[in-house]
Amino acid sequence: MFLGEDLLAWLVLALGGALFVGNLMAVVKPPERKRSDADLDRAPVFRSLAMGLVGLVAALWALASLL
């Protein structure tokens, strides 16, 4: 198979990890300045934590598949 047998698991691990870390950082440390008037002061906490949880589940599932 092109690029290995476990390509899909590696991609899910990378995307799930990025989703988890990105949403967690949006809640913990929001940007210091707004780029435009349409930007929010803070990230929506519930939505960010829910999407972070989805990313964590995906990353853990992919890691379990690889091991």
Protein backbone atom coordinates (compact mmCIF):
# COMPACT_ATOMS: atom_id res chain seq x y z
CA MET A 1 0.00 0.00 0.00
CA PHE A 2 1.16 3.53 -0.75
CA LEU A 3 2.76 5.19 2.33
CA GLY A 4 2.28 2.18 4.59
CA GLU A 5 -0.44 0.01 5.98
CA ASP A 6 -1.36 2.34 8.86
CA LEU A 7 -1.65 5.63 6.99
CA LEU A 8 -5.25 6.27 8.02
CA ALA A 9 -4.50 5.66 11.70
CA TRP A 10 -1.53 8.05 11.58
CA LEU A 11 -3.65 10.73 9.90
CA VAL A 12 -6.44 10.35 12.46
CA LEU A 13 -3.86 10.56 15.26
CA ALA A 14 -2.39 13.76 13.83
CA LEU A 15 -5.74 15.44 13.16
CA GLY A 16 -7.25 14.36 16.48
CA GLY A 17 -4.21 15.60 18.39
CA ALA A 18 -4.27 18.92 16.56
CA LEU A 19 -8.00 19.31 17.20
CA PHE A 20 -7.52 18.60 20.90
CA VAL A 21 -4.53 20.89 21.42
CA GLY A 22 -5.89 23.72 19.27
CA ASN A 23 -9.23 23.89 21.04
CA LEU A 24 -7.65 23.54 24.46
CA MET A 25 -5.25 26.40 23.75
CA ALA A 26 -8.11 28.56 22.46
CA VAL A 27 -9.77 28.25 25.88
CA VAL A 28 -6.64 28.47 28.03
CA LYS A 29 -4.81 31.26 26.20
CA PRO A 30 -6.94 33.29 23.80
CA PRO A 31 -5.25 35.66 21.33
CA GLU A 32 -3.97 38.87 22.89
CA ARG A 33 -5.42 41.16 20.24
CA LYS A 34 -8.31 41.02 17.82
CA ARG A 35 -7.57 41.06 14.10
CA SER A 36 -10.93 42.53 13.16
CA ASP A 37 -14.20 43.62 14.72
CA ALA A 38 -15.79 40.29 13.77
CA ASP A 39 -13.42 38.30 16.04
CA LEU A 40 -14.65 37.21 19.44
CA ASP A 41 -12.92 38.23 22.69
CA ARG A 42 -12.88 34.60 23.86
CA ALA A 43 -13.55 31.25 22.27
CA PRO A 44 -16.93 29.69 23.07
CA VAL A 45 -15.97 27.51 26.04
CA PHE A 46 -18.52 24.70 25.74
CA ARG A 47 -18.06 24.28 22.00
CA SER A 48 -14.27 24.37 22.28
CA LEU A 49 -14.22 21.80 25.06
CA ALA A 50 -16.65 19.55 23.18
CA MET A 51 -14.54 19.69 20.01
CA GLY A 52 -11.40 19.12 22.08
CA LEU A 53 -13.02 16.02 23.57
CA VAL A 54 -13.83 14.75 20.06
CA GLY A 55 -10.19 15.28 19.08
CA LEU A 56 -8.95 13.49 22.19
CA VAL A 57 -11.20 10.49 21.54
CA ALA A 58 -10.05 10.31 17.93
CA ALA A 59 -6.38 10.54 18.91
CA LEU A 60 -6.71 7.89 21.61
CA TRP A 61 -8.61 5.58 19.27
CA ALA A 62 -5.94 5.99 16.60
CA LEU A 63 -3.19 5.37 19.13
CA ALA A 64 -4.93 2.22 20.34
CA SER A 65 -5.26 1.06 16.71
CA LEU A 66 -1.56 1.57 16.11
CA LEU A 67 -0.52 -0.28 19.26
